[in-house]
């Protein structure tokens, strides 16, 4: 899933985490709180590892089922692209 997240962000550019969750759930055919949490945790892991930049944050209950949750906007940074190239994940998506 980490590789897919990186490829998704590399190909689409910056994205909000709720948009990323929707794309990943559609790709993997999963849904629910467990998968939403897993994807958000994986994004946090990639950010903590220095592969992603956090560009913005907002609270928008209309996008989070009426709950006040922080949404983050992520993008792959230069180090992330380097690591993707080393792992063979970039392909034609540079």
PDB file of N, CA and C in Angstrom:
ATOM      1  N   UNK A   1       0.816  -1.191   0.000  1.00  0.00           N
ATOM      2  CA  UNK A   1       0.000   0.000   0.000  1.00  0.00           C
ATOM      3  C   UNK A   1       0.862   1.258   0.000  1.00  0.00           C
ATOM      4  N   UNK A   2       2.010   1.225   0.684  1.00  0.00           N
ATOM      5  CA  UNK A   2       2.886   2.401   0.694  1.00  0.00           C
ATOM      6  C   UNK A   2       3.317   2.769  -0.717  1.00  0.00           C
ATOM      7  N   UNK A   3       3.692   1.763  -1.483  1.00  0.00           N
ATOM      8  CA  UNK A   3       4.104   2.017  -2.854  1.00  0.00           C
ATOM      9  C   UNK A   3       2.981   2.625  -3.676  1.00  0.00           C
ATOM     10  N   UNK A   4       1.773   2.111  -3.507  1.00  0.00           N
ATOM     11  CA  UNK A   4       0.637   2.655  -4.244  1.00  0.00           C
ATOM     12  C   UNK A   4       0.370   4.101  -3.837  1.00  0.00           C
ATOM     13  N   UNK A   5       0.438   4.401  -2.557  1.00  0.00           N
ATOM     14  CA  UNK A   5       0.231   5.773  -2.094  1.00  0.00           C
ATOM     15  C   UNK A   5       1.246   6.719  -2.718  1.00  0.00           C
ATOM     16  N   UNK A   6       2.493   6.313  -2.745  1.00  0.00           N
ATOM     17  CA  UNK A   6       3.529   7.145  -3.347  1.00  0.00           C
ATOM     18  C   UNK A   6       3.280   7.336  -4.849  1.00  0.00           C
ATOM     19  N   UNK A   7       2.921   6.262  -5.535  1.00  0.00           N
ATOM     20  CA  UNK A   7       2.646   6.360  -6.967  1.00  0.00           C
ATOM     21  C   UNK A   7       1.432   7.243  -7.236  1.00  0.00           C
ATOM     22  N   UNK A   8       0.420   7.139  -6.407  1.00  0.00           N
ATOM     23  CA  UNK A   8      -0.772   7.957  -6.555  1.00  0.00           C
ATOM     24  C   UNK A   8      -0.435   9.440  -6.432  1.00  0.00           C
ATOM     25  N   UNK A   9       0.322   9.790  -5.391  1.00  0.00           N
ATOM     26  CA  UNK A   9       0.696  11.183  -5.185  1.00  0.00           C
ATOM     27  C   UNK A   9       1.664  11.674  -6.255  1.00  0.00           C
ATOM     28  N   UNK A  10       2.551  10.806  -6.708  1.00  0.00           N
ATOM     29  CA  UNK A  10       3.493  11.202  -7.762  1.00  0.00           C
ATOM     30  C   UNK A  10       2.761  11.480  -9.070  1.00  0.00           C
ATOM     31  N   UNK A  11       1.722  10.713  -9.340  1.00  0.00           N
ATOM     32  CA  UNK A  11       1.018  10.889 -10.615  1.00  0.00           C
ATOM     33  C   UNK A  11      -0.021  12.012 -10.562  1.00  0.00           C
ATOM     34  N   UNK A  12      -0.693  12.182  -9.436  1.00  0.00           N
ATOM     35  CA  UNK A  12      -1.765  13.184  -9.350  1.00  0.00           C
ATOM     36  C   UNK A  12      -1.323  14.515  -8.753  1.00  0.00           C
ATOM     37  N   UNK A  13      -0.185  14.530  -8.094  1.00  0.00           N
ATOM     38  CA  UNK A  13       0.248  15.753  -7.426  1.00  0.00           C
ATOM     39  C   UNK A  13      -0.349  15.837  -6.028  1.00  0.00           C
ATOM     40  N   UNK A  14      -0.366  17.026  -5.490  1.00  0.00           N
ATOM     41  CA  UNK A  14      -0.828  17.187  -4.114  1.00  0.00           C
ATOM     42  C   UNK A  14      -2.293  16.784  -3.973  1.00  0.00           C
ATOM     43  N   UNK A  15      -2.566  16.144  -2.821  1.00  0.00           N
ATOM     44  CA  UNK A  15      -3.922  15.658  -2.549  1.00  0.00           C
ATOM     45  C   UNK A  15      -4.212  15.755  -1.055  1.00  0.00           C
ATOM     46  N   UNK A  16      -5.489  15.976  -0.749  1.00  0.00           N
ATOM     47  CA  UNK A  16      -5.944  15.919   0.639  1.00  0.00           C
ATOM     48  C   UNK A  16      -6.081  14.462   1.049  1.00  0.00           C
ATOM     49  N   UNK A  17      -5.882  14.194   2.341  1.00  0.00           N
ATOM     50  CA  UNK A  17      -5.917  12.797   2.771  1.00  0.00           C
ATOM     51  C   UNK A  17      -7.281  12.129   2.558  1.00  0.00           C
ATOM     52  N   UNK A  18      -8.379  12.876   2.621  1.00  0.00           N
ATOM     53  CA  UNK A  18      -9.681  12.249   2.351  1.00  0.00           C
ATOM     54  C   UNK A  18      -9.793  11.833   0.881  1.00  0.00           C
ATOM     55  N   UNK A  19      -9.187  12.597  -0.020  1.00  0.00           N
ATOM     56  CA  UNK A  19      -9.165  12.224  -1.433  1.00  0.00           C
ATOM     57  C   UNK A  19      -8.301  10.971  -1.643  1.00  0.00           C
ATOM     58  N   UNK A  20      -7.207  10.911  -0.909  1.00  0.00           N
ATOM     59  CA  UNK A  20      -6.314   9.752  -0.996  1.00  0.00           C
ATOM     60  C   UNK A  20      -7.039   8.512  -0.489  1.00  0.00           C
ATOM     61  N   UNK A  21      -7.740   8.642   0.633  1.00  0.00           N
ATOM     62  CA  UNK A  21      -8.502   7.517   1.185  1.00  0.00           C
ATOM     63  C   UNK A  21      -9.516   7.014   0.157  1.00  0.00           C
ATOM     64  N   UNK A  22     -10.243   7.927  -0.462  1.00  0.00           N
ATOM     65  CA  UNK A  22     -11.237   7.528  -1.465  1.00  0.00           C
ATOM     66  C   UNK A  22     -10.588   6.776  -2.621  1.00  0.00           C
ATOM     67  N   UNK A  23      -9.458   7.271  -3.111  1.00  0.00           N
ATOM     68  CA  UNK A  23      -8.769   6.637  -4.240  1.00  0.00           C
ATOM     69  C   UNK A  23      -8.242   5.254  -3.872  1.00  0.00           C
ATOM     70  N   UNK A  24      -7.648   5.136  -2.687  1.00  0.00           N
ATOM     71  CA  UNK A  24      -7.082   3.849  -2.258  1.00  0.00           C
ATOM     72  C   UNK A  24      -8.192   2.834  -2.013  1.00  0.00           C
ATOM     73  N   UNK A  25      -9.263   3.248  -1.356  1.00  0.00           N
ATOM     74  CA  UNK A  25     -10.377   2.334  -1.103  1.00  0.00           C
ATOM     75  C   UNK A  25     -10.985   1.838  -2.406  1.00  0.00           C
ATOM     76  N   UNK A  26     -11.108   2.718  -3.384  1.00  0.00           N
ATOM     77  CA  UNK A  26     -11.637   2.312  -4.685  1.00  0.00           C
ATOM     78  C   UNK A  26     -10.683   1.328  -5.370  1.00  0.00           C
ATOM     79  N   UNK A  27      -9.390   1.606  -5.312  1.00  0.00           N
ATOM     80  CA  UNK A  27      -8.394   0.744  -5.959  1.00  0.00           C
ATOM     81  C   UNK A  27      -8.348  -0.648  -5.332  1.00  0.00           C
ATOM     82  N   UNK A  28      -8.413  -0.706  -4.001  1.00  0.00           N
ATOM     83  CA  UNK A  28      -8.284  -1.977  -3.289  1.00  0.00           C
ATOM     84  C   UNK A  28      -9.633  -2.644  -3.009  1.00  0.00           C
ATOM     85  N   UNK A  29     -10.740  -1.949  -3.280  1.00  0.00           N
ATOM     86  CA  UNK A  29     -12.055  -2.532  -3.041  1.00  0.00           C
ATOM     87  C   UNK A  29     -12.374  -2.714  -1.570  1.00  0.00           C
ATOM     88  N   UNK A  30     -11.971  -1.757  -0.746  1.00  0.00           N
ATOM     89  CA  UNK A  30     -12.208  -1.828   0.697  1.00  0.00           C
ATOM     90  C   UNK A  30     -12.955  -0.569   1.148  1.00  0.00           C
ATOM     91  N   UNK A  31     -13.476  -0.598   2.361  1.00  0.00           N
ATOM     92  CA  UNK A  31     -14.159   0.567   2.904  1.00  0.00           C
ATOM     93  C   UNK A  31     -14.220   0.449   4.419  1.00  0.00           C
ATOM     94  N   UNK A  32     -14.653   1.529   5.055  1.00  0.00           N
ATOM     95  CA  UNK A  32     -14.869   1.499   6.497  1.00  0.00           C
ATOM     96  C   UNK A  32     -13.801   2.212   7.292  1.00  0.00           C
ATOM     97  N   UNK A  33     -14.101   2.368   8.577  1.00  0.00           N
ATOM     98  CA  UNK A  33     -13.215   3.084   9.493  1.00  0.00           C
ATOM     99  C   UNK A  33     -11.836   2.442   9.603  1.00  0.00           C
ATOM    100  N   UNK A  34     -11.789   1.109   9.590  1.00  0.00           N
ATOM    101  CA  UNK A  34     -10.499   0.430   9.702  1.00  0.00           C
ATOM    102  C   UNK A  34      -9.573   0.853   8.564  1.00  0.00           C
ATOM    103  N   UNK A  35     -10.077   0.814   7.346  1.00  0.00           N
ATOM    104  CA  UNK A  35      -9.241   1.142   6.191  1.00  0.00           C
ATOM    105  C   UNK A  35      -8.916   2.623   6.134  1.00  0.00           C
ATOM    106  N   UNK A  36      -9.866   3.452   6.511  1.00  0.00           N
ATOM    107  CA  UNK A  36      -9.581   4.889   6.572  1.00  0.00           C
ATOM    108  C   UNK A  36      -8.447   5.156   7.545  1.00  0.00           C
ATOM    109  N   UNK A  37      -8.512   4.550   8.720  1.00  0.00           N
ATOM    110  CA  UNK A  37      -7.454   4.718   9.715  1.00  0.00           C
ATOM    111  C   UNK A  37      -6.125   4.156   9.257  1.00  0.00           C
ATOM    112  N   UNK A  38      -6.171   3.003   8.597  1.00  0.00           N
ATOM    113  CA  UNK A  38      -4.944   2.376   8.105  1.00  0.00           C
ATOM    114  C   UNK A  38      -4.264   3.257   7.055  1.00  0.00           C
ATOM    115  N   UNK A  39      -5.046   3.808   6.154  1.00  0.00           N
ATOM    116  CA  UNK A  39      -4.483   4.656   5.101  1.00  0.00           C
ATOM    117  C   UNK A  39      -3.918   5.933   5.699  1.00  0.00           C
ATOM    118  N   UNK A  40      -4.646   6.547   6.616  1.00  0.00           N
ATOM    119  CA  UNK A  40      -4.156   7.775   7.247  1.00  0.00           C
ATOM    120  C   UNK A  40      -2.889   7.499   8.058  1.00  0.00           C
ATOM    121  N   UNK A  41      -2.821   6.356   8.733  1.00  0.00           N
ATOM    122  CA  UNK A  41      -1.623   5.979   9.479  1.00  0.00           C
ATOM    123  C   UNK A  41      -0.447   5.758   8.532  1.00  0.00           C
ATOM    124  N   UNK A  42      -0.704   5.148   7.393  1.00  0.00           N
ATOM    125  CA  UNK A  42       0.352   4.925   6.398  1.00  0.00           C
ATOM    126  C   UNK A  42       0.866   6.246   5.848  1.00  0.00           C
ATOM    127  N   UNK A  43      -0.037   7.205   5.617  1.00  0.00           N
ATOM    128  CA  UNK A  43       0.390   8.535   5.178  1.00  0.00           C
ATOM    129  C   UNK A  43       1.269   9.200   6.234  1.00  0.00           C
ATOM    130  N   UNK A  44       0.890   9.054   7.491  1.00  0.00           N
ATOM    131  CA  UNK A  44       1.690   9.612   8.584  1.00  0.00           C
ATOM    132  C   UNK A  44       3.074   8.974   8.614  1.00  0.00           C
ATOM    133  N   UNK A  45       3.121   7.677   8.376  1.00  0.00           N
ATOM    134  CA  UNK A  45       4.398   6.961   8.343  1.00  0.00           C
ATOM    135  C   UNK A  45       5.279   7.467   7.200  1.00  0.00           C
ATOM    136  N   UNK A  46       4.695   7.654   6.026  1.00  0.00           N
ATOM    137  CA  UNK A  46       5.465   8.170   4.894  1.00  0.00           C
ATOM    138  C   UNK A  46       5.937   9.601   5.144  1.00  0.00           C
ATOM    139  N   UNK A  47       5.104  10.406   5.779  1.00  0.00           N
ATOM    140  CA  UNK A  47       5.487  11.775   6.140  1.00  0.00           C
ATOM    141  C   UNK A  47       6.619  11.751   7.178  1.00  0.00           C
ATOM    142  N   UNK A  48       6.484  10.902   8.180  1.00  0.00           N
ATOM    143  CA  UNK A  48       7.514  10.801   9.217  1.00  0.00           C
ATOM    144  C   UNK A  48       8.843  10.318   8.655  1.00  0.00           C
ATOM    145  N   UNK A  49       8.773   9.488   7.615  1.00  0.00           N
ATOM    146  CA  UNK A  49       9.985   8.987   6.974  1.00  0.00           C
ATOM    147  C   UNK A  49      10.612   9.990   6.018  1.00  0.00           C
ATOM    148  N   UNK A  50       9.986  11.146   5.870  1.00  0.00           N
ATOM    149  CA  UNK A  50      10.560  12.196   5.032  1.00  0.00           C
ATOM    150  C   UNK A  50      10.247  12.078   3.556  1.00  0.00           C
ATOM    151  N   UNK A  51       9.328  11.176   3.182  1.00  0.00           N
ATOM    152  CA  UNK A  51       9.002  10.961   1.773  1.00  0.00           C
ATOM    153  C   UNK A  51       7.913  11.895   1.265  1.00  0.00           C
ATOM    154  N   UNK A  52       7.109  12.415   2.171  1.00  0.00           N
ATOM    155  CA  UNK A  52       6.020  13.319   1.818  1.00  0.00           C
ATOM    156  C   UNK A  52       6.189  14.645   2.533  1.00  0.00           C
ATOM    157  N   UNK A  53       5.677  15.693   1.915  1.00  0.00           N
ATOM    158  CA  UNK A  53       5.563  16.995   2.566  1.00  0.00           C
ATOM    159  C   UNK A  53       4.106  17.223   2.925  1.00  0.00           C
ATOM    160  N   UNK A  54       3.891  17.825   4.078  1.00  0.00           N
ATOM    161  CA  UNK A  54       2.549  18.263   4.468  1.00  0.00           C
ATOM    162  C   UNK A  54       2.420  19.711   4.026  1.00  0.00           C
ATOM    163  N   UNK A  55       1.487  19.982   3.127  1.00  0.00           N
ATOM    164  CA  UNK A  55       1.368  21.304   2.525  1.00  0.00           C
ATOM    165  C   UNK A  55       0.344  22.195   3.212  1.00  0.00           C
ATOM    166  N   UNK A  56      -0.663  21.584   3.811  1.00  0.00           N
ATOM    167  CA  UNK A  56      -1.749  22.363   4.398  1.00  0.00           C
ATOM    168  C   UNK A  56      -2.522  21.471   5.346  1.00  0.00           C
ATOM    169  N   UNK A  57      -3.320  22.084   6.193  1.00  0.00           N
ATOM    170  CA  UNK A  57      -4.210  21.359   7.098  1.00  0.00           C
ATOM    171  C   UNK A  57      -5.477  22.183   7.252  1.00  0.00           C
ATOM    172  N   UNK A  58      -6.591  21.495   7.417  1.00  0.00           N
ATOM    173  CA  UNK A  58      -7.873  22.175   7.592  1.00  0.00           C
ATOM    174  C   UNK A  58      -8.814  21.283   8.383  1.00  0.00           C
ATOM    175  N   UNK A  59      -9.853  21.883   8.918  1.00  0.00           N
ATOM    176  CA  UNK A  59     -10.951  21.147   9.541  1.00  0.00           C
ATOM    177  C   UNK A  59     -12.190  21.465   8.718  1.00  0.00           C
ATOM    178  N   UNK A  60     -12.794  20.434   8.136  1.00  0.00           N
ATOM    179  CA  UNK A  60     -13.972  20.634   7.297  1.00  0.00           C
ATOM    180  C   UNK A  60     -14.956  19.495   7.572  1.00  0.00           C
ATOM    181  N   UNK A  61     -15.857  19.680   8.541  1.00  0.00           N
ATOM    182  CA  UNK A  61     -16.797  18.617   8.895  1.00  0.00           C
ATOM    183  C   UNK A  61     -17.645  18.121   7.727  1.00  0.00           C
ATOM    184  N   UNK A  62     -17.839  18.943   6.697  1.00  0.00           N
ATOM    185  CA  UNK A  62     -18.626  18.494   5.544  1.00  0.00           C
ATOM    186  C   UNK A  62     -17.911  17.394   4.768  1.00  0.00           C
ATOM    187  N   UNK A  63     -16.590  17.287   4.928  1.00  0.00           N
ATOM    188  CA  UNK A  63     -15.812  16.263   4.231  1.00  0.00           C
ATOM    189  C   UNK A  63     -15.476  15.076   5.122  1.00  0.00           C
ATOM    190  N   UNK A  64     -15.835  15.156   6.412  1.00  0.00           N
ATOM    191  CA  UNK A  64     -15.471  14.091   7.350  1.00  0.00           C
ATOM    192  C   UNK A  64     -16.693  13.559   8.098  1.00  0.00           C
ATOM    193  N   UNK A  65     -17.798  13.471   7.400  1.00  0.00           N
ATOM    194  CA  UNK A  65     -18.998  12.892   7.988  1.00  0.00           C
ATOM    195  C   UNK A  65     -19.560  13.666   9.169  1.00  0.00           C
ATOM    196  N   UNK A  66     -19.380  14.979   9.164  1.00  0.00           N
ATOM    197  CA  UNK A  66     -19.899  15.812  10.238  1.00  0.00           C
ATOM    198  C   UNK A  66     -19.010  15.884  11.468  1.00  0.00           C
ATOM    199  N   UNK A  67     -17.900  15.174  11.450  1.00  0.00           N
ATOM    200  CA  UNK A  67     -16.972  15.168  12.587  1.00  0.00           C
ATOM    201  C   UNK A  67     -15.864  16.186  12.360  1.00  0.00           C
ATOM    202  N   UNK A  68     -15.405  16.775  13.426  1.00  0.00           N
ATOM    203  CA  UNK A  68     -14.303  17.743  13.316  1.00  0.00           C
ATOM    204  C   UNK A  68     -12.973  17.002  13.370  1.00  0.00           C
ATOM    205  N   UNK A  69     -12.491  16.614  12.214  1.00  0.00           N
ATOM    206  CA  UNK A  69     -11.211  15.932  12.075  1.00  0.00           C
ATOM    207  C   UNK A  69     -10.306  16.786  11.216  1.00  0.00           C
ATOM    208  N   UNK A  70      -9.026  16.750  11.536  1.00  0.00           N
ATOM    209  CA  UNK A  70      -8.053  17.503  10.746  1.00  0.00           C
ATOM    210  C   UNK A  70      -7.760  16.735   9.458  1.00  0.00           C
ATOM    211  N   UNK A  71      -7.813  17.455   8.346  1.00  0.00           N
ATOM    212  CA  UNK A  71      -7.430  16.919   7.046  1.00  0.00           C
ATOM    213  C   UNK A  71      -6.076  17.514   6.664  1.00  0.00           C
ATOM    214  N   UNK A  72      -5.236  16.702   6.061  1.00  0.00           N
ATOM    215  CA  UNK A  72      -3.910  17.147   5.651  1.00  0.00           C
ATOM    216  C   UNK A  72      -3.762  17.018   4.148  1.00  0.00           C
ATOM    217  N   UNK A  73      -3.044  17.972   3.565  1.00  0.00           N
ATOM    218  CA  UNK A  73      -2.722  17.912   2.141  1.00  0.00           C
ATOM    219  C   UNK A  73      -1.260  17.477   2.024  1.00  0.00           C
ATOM    220  N   UNK A  74      -1.036  16.424   1.231  1.00  0.00           N
ATOM    221  CA  UNK A  74       0.299  15.846   1.073  1.00  0.00           C
ATOM    222  C   UNK A  74       0.779  15.941  -0.370  1.00  0.00           C
ATOM    223  N   UNK A  75       2.102  15.901  -0.515  1.00  0.00           N
ATOM    224  CA  UNK A  75       2.741  15.786  -1.828  1.00  0.00           C
ATOM    225  C   UNK A  75       4.051  15.027  -1.656  1.00  0.00           C
ATOM    226  N   UNK A  76       4.434  14.282  -2.681  1.00  0.00           N
ATOM    227  CA  UNK A  76       5.731  13.602  -2.665  1.00  0.00           C
ATOM    228  C   UNK A  76       6.809  14.663  -2.842  1.00  0.00           C
ATOM    229  N   UNK A  77       7.858  14.592  -2.029  1.00  0.00           N
ATOM    230  CA  UNK A  77       8.954  15.551  -2.151  1.00  0.00           C
ATOM    231  C   UNK A  77      10.117  14.930  -2.931  1.00  0.00           C
ATOM    232  N   UNK A  78      11.185  15.685  -3.073  1.00  0.00           N
ATOM    233  CA  UNK A  78      12.347  15.216  -3.829  1.00  0.00           C
ATOM    234  C   UNK A  78      12.947  13.940  -3.270  1.00  0.00           C
ATOM    235  N   UNK A  79      13.066  13.862  -1.944  1.00  0.00           N
ATOM    236  CA  UNK A  79      13.603  12.646  -1.329  1.00  0.00           C
ATOM    237  C   UNK A  79      12.678  11.458  -1.607  1.00  0.00           C
ATOM    238  N   UNK A  80      11.377  11.690  -1.537  1.00  0.00           N
ATOM    239  CA  UNK A  80      10.422  10.622  -1.821  1.00  0.00           C
ATOM    240  C   UNK A  80      10.553  10.118  -3.246  1.00  0.00           C
ATOM    241  N   UNK A  81      10.740  11.037  -4.182  1.00  0.00           N
ATOM    242  CA  UNK A  81      10.917  10.636  -5.588  1.00  0.00           C
ATOM    243  C   UNK A  81      12.221   9.861  -5.779  1.00  0.00           C
ATOM    244  N   UNK A  82      13.264  10.275  -5.080  1.00  0.00           N
ATOM    245  CA  UNK A  82      14.541   9.550  -5.154  1.00  0.00           C
ATOM    246  C   UNK A  82      14.375   8.128  -4.645  1.00  0.00           C
ATOM    247  N   UNK A  83      13.717   7.979  -3.511  1.00  0.00           N
ATOM    248  CA  UNK A  83      13.507   6.641  -2.941  1.00  0.00           C
ATOM    249  C   UNK A  83      12.586   5.801  -3.840  1.00  0.00           C
ATOM    250  N   UNK A  84      11.597   6.445  -4.445  1.00  0.00           N
ATOM    251  CA  UNK A  84      10.732   5.722  -5.374  1.00  0.00           C
ATOM    252  C   UNK A  84      11.528   5.221  -6.574  1.00  0.00           C
ATOM    253  N   UNK A  85      12.408   6.054  -7.093  1.00  0.00           N
ATOM    254  CA  UNK A  85      13.238   5.647  -8.229  1.00  0.00           C
ATOM    255  C   UNK A  85      14.134   4.476  -7.833  1.00  0.00           C
ATOM    256  N   UNK A  86      14.696   4.543  -6.641  1.00  0.00           N
ATOM    257  CA  UNK A  86      15.561   3.461  -6.170  1.00  0.00           C
ATOM    258  C   UNK A  86      14.802   2.153  -5.995  1.00  0.00           C
ATOM    259  N   UNK A  87      13.525   2.262  -5.647  1.00  0.00           N
ATOM    260  CA  UNK A  87      12.694   1.069  -5.437  1.00  0.00           C
ATOM    261  C   UNK A  87      11.970   0.622  -6.704  1.00  0.00           C
ATOM    262  N   UNK A  88      12.176   1.354  -7.806  1.00  0.00           N
ATOM    263  CA  UNK A  88      11.522   0.995  -9.058  1.00  0.00           C
ATOM    264  C   UNK A  88      10.049   1.365  -9.112  1.00  0.00           C
ATOM    265  N   UNK A  89       9.634   2.331  -8.293  1.00  0.00           N
ATOM    266  CA  UNK A  89       8.222   2.707  -8.228  1.00  0.00           C
ATOM    267  C   UNK A  89       7.852   3.866  -9.143  1.00  0.00           C
ATOM    268  N   UNK A  90       8.821   4.579  -9.673  1.00  0.00           N
ATOM    269  CA  UNK A  90       8.481   5.757 -10.468  1.00  0.00           C
ATOM    270  C   UNK A  90       7.986   5.415 -11.845  1.00  0.00           C
ATOM    271  N   UNK A  91       8.640   4.540 -12.540  1.00  0.00           N
ATOM    272  CA  UNK A  91       8.207   4.184 -13.877  1.00  0.00           C
ATOM    273  C   UNK A  91       8.035   5.409 -14.749  1.00  0.00           C
ATOM    274  N   UNK A  92       6.903   5.528 -15.392  1.00  0.00           N
ATOM    275  CA  UNK A  92       6.628   6.637 -16.285  1.00  0.00           C
ATOM    276  C   UNK A  92       5.926   7.792 -15.569  1.00  0.00           C
ATOM    277  N   UNK A  93       5.842   7.738 -14.240  1.00  0.00           N
ATOM    278  CA  UNK A  93       5.068   8.721 -13.493  1.00  0.00           C
ATOM    279  C   UNK A  93       5.918   9.824 -12.896  1.00  0.00           C
ATOM    280  N   UNK A  94       7.075  10.113 -13.415  1.00  0.00           N
ATOM    281  CA  UNK A  94       7.927  11.156 -12.833  1.00  0.00           C
ATOM    282  C   UNK A  94       7.331  12.483 -13.114  1.00  0.00           C
TER     283      UNK A  94
END
